Every structure is written in C-alpha cells, then in structure tokens.
C-alpha atoms as a PDB file:
ATOM      1  CA  MET A   1     -36.380  23.779 -43.913  1.00  0.00           C
ATOM      2  CA  GLN A   2     -36.264  20.684 -41.731  1.00  0.00           C
ATOM      3  CA  PHE A   3     -34.234  20.645 -38.513  1.00  0.00           C
ATOM      4  CA  GLU A   4     -34.736  19.100 -35.085  1.00  0.00           C
ATOM      5  CA  LEU A   5     -35.435  21.039 -31.902  1.00  0.00           C
ATOM      6  CA  THR A   6     -34.630  19.436 -28.562  1.00  0.00           C
ATOM      7  CA  ALA A   7     -35.452  20.879 -25.146  1.00  0.00           C
ATOM      8  CA  SER A   8     -32.663  21.221 -22.575  1.00  0.00           C
ATOM      9  CA  MET A   9     -34.538  19.823 -19.595  1.00  0.00           C
ATOM     10  CA  MET A  10     -32.066  21.092 -17.001  1.00  0.00           C
ATOM     11  CA  CYS A  11     -33.723  24.474 -17.714  1.00  0.00           C
ATOM     12  CA  ALA A  12     -37.298  23.234 -17.228  1.00  0.00           C
ATOM     13  CA  ASN A  13     -39.644  24.081 -14.360  1.00  0.00           C
ATOM     14  CA  TYR A  14     -39.314  21.213 -11.883  1.00  0.00           C
ATOM     15  CA  GLY A  15     -42.331  22.376  -9.926  1.00  0.00           C
ATOM     16  CA  ASN A  16     -44.482  20.468 -12.428  1.00  0.00           C
ATOM     17  CA  LEU A  17     -42.174  18.412 -14.615  1.00  0.00           C
ATOM     18  CA  GLU A  18     -44.892  16.197 -16.082  1.00  0.00           C
ATOM     19  CA  GLN A  19     -46.782  19.242 -17.329  1.00  0.00           C
ATOM     20  CA  GLU A  20     -43.582  20.697 -18.759  1.00  0.00           C
ATOM     21  CA  VAL A  21     -43.051  17.524 -20.788  1.00  0.00           C
ATOM     22  CA  LYS A  22     -46.648  17.535 -22.017  1.00  0.00           C
ATOM     23  CA  ASN A  23     -46.548  21.232 -22.948  1.00  0.00           C
ATOM     24  CA  LEU A  24     -43.306  20.763 -24.877  1.00  0.00           C
ATOM     25  CA  GLU A  25     -44.644  17.741 -26.746  1.00  0.00           C
ATOM     26  CA  GLU A  26     -47.909  19.491 -27.575  1.00  0.00           C
ATOM     27  CA  GLY A  27     -45.861  22.489 -28.698  1.00  0.00           C
ATOM     28  CA  GLY A  28     -43.951  20.374 -31.200  1.00  0.00           C
ATOM     29  CA  ILE A  29     -40.603  19.593 -29.568  1.00  0.00           C
ATOM     30  CA  ASP A  30     -38.727  16.744 -31.271  1.00  0.00           C
ATOM     31  CA  SER A  31     -36.827  15.317 -28.292  1.00  0.00           C
ATOM     32  CA  PHE A  32     -35.703  15.918 -24.715  1.00  0.00           C
ATOM     33  CA  HIS A  33     -32.065  16.701 -23.925  1.00  0.00           C
ATOM     34  CA  ILE A  34     -30.995  15.259 -20.574  1.00  0.00           C
ATOM     35  CA  ASP A  35     -27.788  16.659 -19.035  1.00  0.00           C
ATOM     36  CA  ILE A  36     -26.198  14.323 -16.492  1.00  0.00           C
ATOM     37  CA  MET A  37     -23.250  15.851 -14.590  1.00  0.00           C
ATOM     38  CA  ASP A  38     -21.097  14.267 -11.907  1.00  0.00           C
ATOM     39  CA  GLY A  39     -19.380  17.312 -10.384  1.00  0.00           C
ATOM     40  CA  ARG A  40     -16.029  15.928 -11.547  1.00  0.00           C
ATOM     41  CA  TYR A  41     -15.861  15.961 -15.330  1.00  0.00           C
ATOM     42  CA  VAL A  42     -17.643  19.319 -15.115  1.00  0.00           C
ATOM     43  CA  PRO A  43     -17.728  21.478 -11.959  1.00  0.00           C
ATOM     44  CA  ASN A  44     -21.475  21.238 -11.517  1.00  0.00           C
ATOM     45  CA  TYR A  45     -24.353  18.858 -10.879  1.00  0.00           C
ATOM     46  CA  ALA A  46     -27.437  18.899 -13.082  1.00  0.00           C
ATOM     47  CA  MET A  47     -30.068  16.257 -13.690  1.00  0.00           C
ATOM     48  CA  SER A  48     -30.164  12.935 -11.901  1.00  0.00           C
ATOM     49  CA  LEU A  49     -30.747   9.382 -13.053  1.00  0.00           C
ATOM     50  CA  ASN A  50     -34.207   9.559 -11.503  1.00  0.00           C
ATOM     51  CA  ASP A  51     -34.996  12.769 -13.415  1.00  0.00           C
ATOM     52  CA  MET A  52     -34.085  10.943 -16.619  1.00  0.00           C
ATOM     53  CA  ARG A  53     -36.175   7.910 -15.706  1.00  0.00           C
ATOM     54  CA  TYR A  54     -39.180  10.067 -14.887  1.00  0.00           C
ATOM     55  CA  ILE A  55     -39.029  12.008 -18.149  1.00  0.00           C
ATOM     56  CA  ALA A  56     -38.625   8.724 -20.049  1.00  0.00           C
ATOM     57  CA  SER A  57     -41.769   7.406 -18.318  1.00  0.00           C
ATOM     58  CA  VAL A  58     -44.002  10.344 -19.301  1.00  0.00           C
ATOM     59  CA  ALA A  59     -42.521  11.414 -22.656  1.00  0.00           C
ATOM     60  CA  THR A  60     -43.498   9.949 -26.004  1.00  0.00           C
ATOM     61  CA  LYS A  61     -40.681  11.727 -27.856  1.00  0.00           C
ATOM     62  CA  PRO A  62     -37.063  10.430 -27.769  1.00  0.00           C
ATOM     63  CA  LEU A  63     -34.495  11.289 -25.139  1.00  0.00           C
ATOM     64  CA  ASP A  64     -30.987  12.552 -25.912  1.00  0.00           C
ATOM     65  CA  VAL A  65     -28.876  11.808 -22.855  1.00  0.00           C
ATOM     66  CA  HIS A  66     -25.680  13.838 -22.557  1.00  0.00           C
ATOM     67  CA  LEU A  67     -23.283  12.215 -20.074  1.00  0.00           C
ATOM     68  CA  MET A  68     -20.861  14.775 -18.653  1.00  0.00           C
ATOM     69  CA  VAL A  69     -19.270  12.239 -16.332  1.00  0.00           C
ATOM     70  CA  GLU A  70     -15.849  10.699 -15.810  1.00  0.00           C
ATOM     71  CA  HIS A  71     -15.392   7.120 -17.083  1.00  0.00           C
ATOM     72  CA  PRO A  72     -18.935   6.591 -18.373  1.00  0.00           C
ATOM     73  CA  ASN A  73     -18.062   2.972 -19.175  1.00  0.00           C
ATOM     74  CA  ASN A  74     -18.288   2.208 -15.442  1.00  0.00           C
ATOM     75  CA  THR A  75     -21.984   3.133 -15.274  1.00  0.00           C
ATOM     76  CA  ILE A  76     -23.236   3.056 -18.859  1.00  0.00           C
ATOM     77  CA  GLU A  77     -25.482   0.028 -18.266  1.00  0.00           C
ATOM     78  CA  ILE A  78     -27.519   1.988 -15.710  1.00  0.00           C
ATOM     79  CA  PHE A  79     -28.413   4.542 -18.357  1.00  0.00           C
ATOM     80  CA  ILE A  80     -28.881   2.003 -21.131  1.00  0.00           C
ATOM     81  CA  ASN A  81     -31.341   0.002 -19.033  1.00  0.00           C
ATOM     82  CA  ALA A  82     -33.451   3.094 -18.300  1.00  0.00           C
ATOM     83  CA  LEU A  83     -33.834   4.134 -21.949  1.00  0.00           C
ATOM     84  CA  ARG A  84     -35.819   2.982 -24.954  1.00  0.00           C
ATOM     85  CA  GLN A  85     -35.029   2.001 -28.510  1.00  0.00           C
ATOM     86  CA  GLY A  86     -34.386   5.151 -30.512  1.00  0.00           C
ATOM     87  CA  ASP A  87     -32.966   7.149 -27.606  1.00  0.00           C
ATOM     88  CA  THR A  88     -29.460   8.621 -27.855  1.00  0.00           C
ATOM     89  CA  ILE A  89     -26.515   8.604 -25.453  1.00  0.00           C
ATOM     90  CA  TYR A  90     -23.677  11.082 -25.946  1.00  0.00           C
ATOM     91  CA  ILE A  91     -20.350  10.616 -24.178  1.00  0.00           C
ATOM     92  CA  HIS A  92     -17.312  12.878 -24.045  1.00  0.00           C
ATOM     93  CA  PRO A  93     -14.286  11.095 -25.557  1.00  0.00           C
ATOM     94  CA  GLU A  94     -11.890  12.820 -23.142  1.00  0.00           C
ATOM     95  CA  ALA A  95     -13.755  11.316 -20.180  1.00  0.00           C
ATOM     96  CA  GLU A  96     -12.904   7.713 -21.060  1.00  0.00           C
ATOM     97  CA  TYR A  97      -9.717   5.710 -21.590  1.00  0.00           C
ATOM     98  CA  HIS A  98     -11.305   3.691 -24.401  1.00  0.00           C
ATOM     99  CA  PRO A  99     -14.409   5.567 -25.575  1.00  0.00           C
ATOM    100  CA  SER A 100     -15.020   3.162 -28.458  1.00  0.00           C
ATOM    101  CA  THR A 101     -15.740   0.408 -25.907  1.00  0.00           C
ATOM    102  CA  THR A 102     -18.459   2.518 -24.304  1.00  0.00           C
ATOM    103  CA  LEU A 103     -19.904   3.458 -27.677  1.00  0.00           C
ATOM    104  CA  GLN A 104     -20.064  -0.196 -28.678  1.00  0.00           C
ATOM    105  CA  LYS A 105     -22.135  -0.986 -25.580  1.00  0.00           C
ATOM    106  CA  ILE A 106     -24.576   1.740 -26.621  1.00  0.00           C
ATOM    107  CA  ILE A 107     -24.743   0.301 -30.142  1.00  0.00           C
ATOM    108  CA  ASN A 108     -25.227  -3.261 -28.873  1.00  0.00           C
ATOM    109  CA  ALA A 109     -28.169  -2.093 -26.759  1.00  0.00           C
ATOM    110  CA  GLY A 110     -29.950  -0.729 -29.833  1.00  0.00           C
ATOM    111  CA  LEU A 111     -29.538   2.889 -28.808  1.00  0.00           C
ATOM    112  CA  THR A 112     -28.074   5.697 -30.909  1.00  0.00           C
ATOM    113  CA  PRO A 113     -24.371   6.363 -30.164  1.00  0.00           C
ATOM    114  CA  GLY A 114     -23.062   9.911 -30.030  1.00  0.00           C
ATOM    115  CA  ILE A 115     -20.070  11.934 -28.933  1.00  0.00           C
ATOM    116  CA  ALA A 116     -20.042  15.448 -27.517  1.00  0.00           C
ATOM    117  CA  ILE A 117     -17.134  17.675 -28.511  1.00  0.00           C
ATOM    118  CA  ASN A 118     -16.037  20.452 -26.169  1.00  0.00           C
ATOM    119  CA  PRO A 119     -14.977  23.869 -27.532  1.00  0.00           C
ATOM    120  CA  GLY A 120     -11.316  23.022 -26.817  1.00  0.00           C
ATOM    121  CA  THR A 121     -11.444  19.557 -28.436  1.00  0.00           C
ATOM    122  CA  SER A 122     -10.145  19.383 -31.999  1.00  0.00           C
ATOM    123  CA  VAL A 123     -11.825  17.431 -34.773  1.00  0.00           C
ATOM    124  CA  GLU A 124      -8.581  15.571 -35.418  1.00  0.00           C
ATOM    125  CA  THR A 125      -8.565  13.954 -31.958  1.00  0.00           C
ATOM    126  CA  VAL A 126     -11.999  12.348 -32.498  1.00  0.00           C
ATOM    127  CA  MET A 127     -11.637  11.469 -36.187  1.00  0.00           C
ATOM    128  CA  GLU A 128     -11.804   7.684 -35.773  1.00  0.00           C
ATOM    129  CA  MET A 129     -14.848   7.871 -33.533  1.00  0.00           C
ATOM    130  CA  LEU A 130     -16.686   9.831 -36.209  1.00  0.00           C
ATOM    131  CA  ARG A 131     -16.781   6.574 -38.163  1.00  0.00           C
ATOM    132  CA  ILE A 132     -18.842   4.731 -35.549  1.00  0.00           C
ATOM    133  CA  VAL A 133     -21.209   7.336 -34.092  1.00  0.00           C
ATOM    134  CA  LYS A 134     -24.503   8.477 -35.558  1.00  0.00           C
ATOM    135  CA  LYS A 135     -24.623  11.870 -33.858  1.00  0.00           C
ATOM    136  CA  VAL A 136     -22.032  14.511 -32.985  1.00  0.00           C
ATOM    137  CA  LEU A 137     -23.005  17.141 -30.414  1.00  0.00           C
ATOM    138  CA  VAL A 138     -20.878  20.256 -30.812  1.00  0.00           C
ATOM    139  CA  MET A 139     -20.566  22.225 -27.600  1.00  0.00           C
ATOM    140  CA  THR A 140     -20.466  25.912 -28.469  1.00  0.00           C
ATOM    141  CA  VAL A 141     -19.915  26.768 -24.785  1.00  0.00           C
ATOM    142  CA  ASN A 142     -17.888  25.006 -22.120  1.00  0.00           C
ATOM    143  CA  PRO A 143     -20.082  22.258 -20.645  1.00  0.00           C
ATOM    144  CA  GLY A 144     -21.538  22.438 -17.164  1.00  0.00           C
ATOM    145  CA  ASN A 145     -23.759  25.516 -16.957  1.00  0.00           C
ATOM    146  CA  ALA A 146     -26.672  27.079 -18.805  1.00  0.00           C
ATOM    147  CA  GLY A 147     -26.698  30.677 -19.981  1.00  0.00           C
ATOM    148  CA  GLN A 148     -23.117  30.961 -21.226  1.00  0.00           C
ATOM    149  CA  MET A 149     -21.866  32.993 -24.196  1.00  0.00           C
ATOM    150  CA  PHE A 150     -21.206  31.451 -27.618  1.00  0.00           C
ATOM    151  CA  MET A 151     -17.531  30.901 -28.470  1.00  0.00           C
ATOM    152  CA  PRO A 152     -17.098  32.160 -32.054  1.00  0.00           C
ATOM    153  CA  TYR A 153     -14.116  29.959 -32.927  1.00  0.00           C
ATOM    154  CA  VAL A 154     -16.341  26.889 -32.672  1.00  0.00           C
ATOM    155  CA  GLY A 155     -17.878  27.932 -35.993  1.00  0.00           C
ATOM    156  CA  LYS A 156     -14.718  26.832 -37.826  1.00  0.00           C
ATOM    157  CA  LYS A 157     -14.941  23.423 -36.153  1.00  0.00           C
ATOM    158  CA  ILE A 158     -18.528  23.068 -37.320  1.00  0.00           C
ATOM    159  CA  THR A 159     -17.383  23.833 -40.868  1.00  0.00           C
ATOM    160  CA  LYS A 160     -14.830  20.996 -40.635  1.00  0.00           C
ATOM    161  CA  LEU A 161     -17.400  18.546 -39.300  1.00  0.00           C
ATOM    162  CA  LEU A 162     -19.977  19.455 -41.930  1.00  0.00           C
ATOM    163  CA  ALA A 163     -17.418  18.584 -44.590  1.00  0.00           C
ATOM    164  CA  LEU A 164     -17.029  15.093 -43.061  1.00  0.00           C
ATOM    165  CA  LYS A 165     -20.585  14.125 -42.170  1.00  0.00           C
ATOM    166  CA  GLU A 166     -21.613  12.629 -45.512  1.00  0.00           C
ATOM    167  CA  GLU A 167     -18.491  10.490 -45.816  1.00  0.00           C
ATOM    168  CA  MET A 168     -18.659   9.256 -42.224  1.00  0.00           C
ATOM    169  CA  HIS A 169     -22.449   9.038 -41.936  1.00  0.00           C
ATOM    170  CA  PHE A 170     -23.179  11.132 -38.845  1.00  0.00           C
ATOM    171  CA  GLU A 171     -25.478  14.064 -38.134  1.00  0.00           C
ATOM    172  CA  LEU A 172     -24.366  17.252 -36.423  1.00  0.00           C
ATOM    173  CA  TYR A 173     -26.160  18.895 -33.485  1.00  0.00           C
ATOM    174  CA  TRP A 174     -25.651  22.249 -31.755  1.00  0.00           C
ATOM    175  CA  ASP A 175     -25.584  22.626 -27.952  1.00  0.00           C
ATOM    176  CA  GLY A 176     -25.088  25.931 -26.138  1.00  0.00           C
ATOM    177  CA  ALA A 177     -26.208  29.568 -26.481  1.00  0.00           C
ATOM    178  CA  CYS A 178     -28.554  28.679 -29.335  1.00  0.00           C
ATOM    179  CA  SER A 179     -30.130  31.886 -30.637  1.00  0.00           C
ATOM    180  CA  ALA A 180     -32.305  32.445 -33.701  1.00  0.00           C
ATOM    181  CA  ASP A 181     -29.428  33.924 -35.680  1.00  0.00           C
ATOM    182  CA  LYS A 182     -27.372  30.750 -35.112  1.00  0.00           C
ATOM    183  CA  ILE A 183     -30.208  28.579 -36.432  1.00  0.00           C
ATOM    184  CA  LEU A 184     -30.579  30.896 -39.426  1.00  0.00           C
ATOM    185  CA  GLU A 185     -26.875  30.572 -40.191  1.00  0.00           C
ATOM    186  CA  PHE A 186     -26.161  26.925 -39.472  1.00  0.00           C
ATOM    187  CA  ALA A 187     -29.356  25.018 -40.340  1.00  0.00           C
ATOM    188  CA  PRO A 188     -28.997  25.792 -44.070  1.00  0.00           C
ATOM    189  CA  ARG A 189     -25.376  24.652 -43.882  1.00  0.00           C
ATOM    190  CA  GLY A 190     -26.385  21.200 -42.638  1.00  0.00           C
ATOM    191  CA  VAL A 191     -26.624  21.234 -38.843  1.00  0.00           C
ATOM    192  CA  ALA A 192     -29.411  18.736 -38.186  1.00  0.00           C
ATOM    193  CA  GLY A 193     -30.655  19.920 -34.802  1.00  0.00           C
ATOM    194  CA  PHE A 194     -30.374  22.454 -32.000  1.00  0.00           C
ATOM    195  CA  VAL A 195     -30.598  22.128 -28.211  1.00  0.00           C
ATOM    196  CA  LEU A 196     -32.816  24.917 -26.867  1.00  0.00           C
ATOM    197  CA  GLY A 197     -32.253  26.308 -23.383  1.00  0.00           C
ATOM    198  CA  THR A 198     -32.645  29.696 -21.736  1.00  0.00           C
ATOM    199  CA  THR A 199     -31.550  31.670 -24.813  1.00  0.00           C
ATOM    200  CA  LEU A 200     -34.673  30.841 -26.816  1.00  0.00           C
ATOM    201  CA  LEU A 201     -37.094  28.502 -25.056  1.00  0.00           C
ATOM    202  CA  PHE A 202     -37.209  28.526 -21.254  1.00  0.00           C
ATOM    203  CA  GLY A 203     -38.042  31.350 -18.841  1.00  0.00           C
ATOM    204  CA  LYS A 204     -39.681  33.569 -21.474  1.00  0.00           C
ATOM    205  CA  ASN A 205     -43.276  33.577 -20.193  1.00  0.00           C
ATOM    206  CA  VAL A 206     -44.345  32.573 -23.696  1.00  0.00           C
ATOM    207  CA  PRO A 207     -46.179  29.308 -24.458  1.00  0.00           C
ATOM    208  CA  TYR A 208     -43.773  26.702 -25.803  1.00  0.00           C
ATOM    209  CA  ARG A 209     -46.066  26.143 -28.769  1.00  0.00           C
ATOM    210  CA  ASP A 210     -45.673  29.785 -29.836  1.00  0.00           C
ATOM    211  CA  THR A 211     -41.908  29.824 -29.356  1.00  0.00           C
ATOM    212  CA  LEU A 212     -41.356  26.596 -31.289  1.00  0.00           C
ATOM    213  CA  LYS A 213     -43.698  27.743 -34.075  1.00  0.00           C
ATOM    214  CA  ASN A 214     -41.761  31.012 -34.407  1.00  0.00           C
ATOM    215  CA  ILE A 215     -38.458  29.121 -34.630  1.00  0.00           C
ATOM    216  CA  ARG A 216     -39.744  26.784 -37.335  1.00  0.00           C
ATOM    217  CA  GLU A 217     -41.080  29.748 -39.303  1.00  0.00           C
ATOM    218  CA  LEU A 218     -37.769  31.623 -39.384  1.00  0.00           C
ATOM    219  CA  LYS A 219     -37.157  33.199 -42.792  1.00  0.00           C
ATOM    220  CA  PHE A 220     -34.162  31.452 -44.331  1.00  0.00           C
END
C-alpha cells in the first residue's frame, strides 16, 4: 500500500542537522515537515525561518511547511522565496482574515497550497477552501507541542473529509500522535500521508532506515 511518510523536523537532533537530513533521506523519508510557530497563534515557538532555509539547502526531498502563525499573509513572501517548486505551504484558516488571498499567493508562486485543520475546527467552516487547496493537514492534536495524545473525535472529521476529497481534488494528511495502529486504520481508508514525530520515528535509538522500513511493511 502506498502512502507518504514525512519527518517532523522539530523533533530532530539539532546537534547535527545535516546528518539527520541525510539519514532520513537515505532511510526513505518522502518529505520534511517544518513547523513554524510564532508564540501567538500557538503558545510555543518551534523552528525558525533559518532552520527551514538550511533544511531546504541540504535536502533533496520536498518540504512541507506548516505555518502556525497569525496573519500569514503579512509574511508569506518570505517563506515562498525560500522554498522550491514542489514544496508545500499549509496555513491555518482561522489565523487569517482572508485565507484565500494567502493561498492564491502560494499557488501563483508555483508551490502546493494546503490548509491545516485544528481538532476544534469543523469541516463546514473550511468547505470553500477545500476547492482550491491540494492538501489538507488534519491535526489530531492541538497544535503547538510534540508528544500529545490523539483526540478520538477527530476520526469522524477524517471520515467527512475522505468523502469529499475526490470531488474537490485534495489529498488528506495526518499530523499528531501518529502511531502504527493509526496508519493501519487510516491509510487503507484513503489518508495519503502521515507526519512522523516522537511517537514512531524520533528518539527511539533505532536507525531511521529500519523504522521507516518497518512502517512500510505493516500488514494491512
């Protein structure tokens, strides 16, 4: 079964970030998930613009940039200019007065537009944006920190989105508390990719190659 695996780089070892990127790519990761937080939209700070630029300079695989910031339209060009064709930018619709304007800038730059949906955000409130994005990142935990517990009610939201994805031409991605049992359940149902953090990938003292191989060989 085909599904994408993306590494949550806020969980990586920053003592040797270049080697982390190389080990993940050699291990078979599909992309790098970059969490940018401003301490306002979420009560935390994570990766910086320079972290993103550095990973973009050493990685050959795409970047998925997740902007957890207020009013991303004010700074979106900074991120656009640091990325490459084929990279993705996710914004949170609640963080912007007119999110479609920000998404159009991403589209015009030749990047992949996406929205991230918080656990407390209903599908109905983002329905029109589903028609213009290519990716939808479903947050199964409240954004801002790694290592949180999965919120079971988000599963019903995923069911709703899966029923819409063919009509509206987007792919669905999972972010937060991603365990093997969640991949086993939701990949066959149509979730296209999973962000891997401390639950499965990082801090395990196991080579990334072995971990990623074991995930891809799960018995569906």
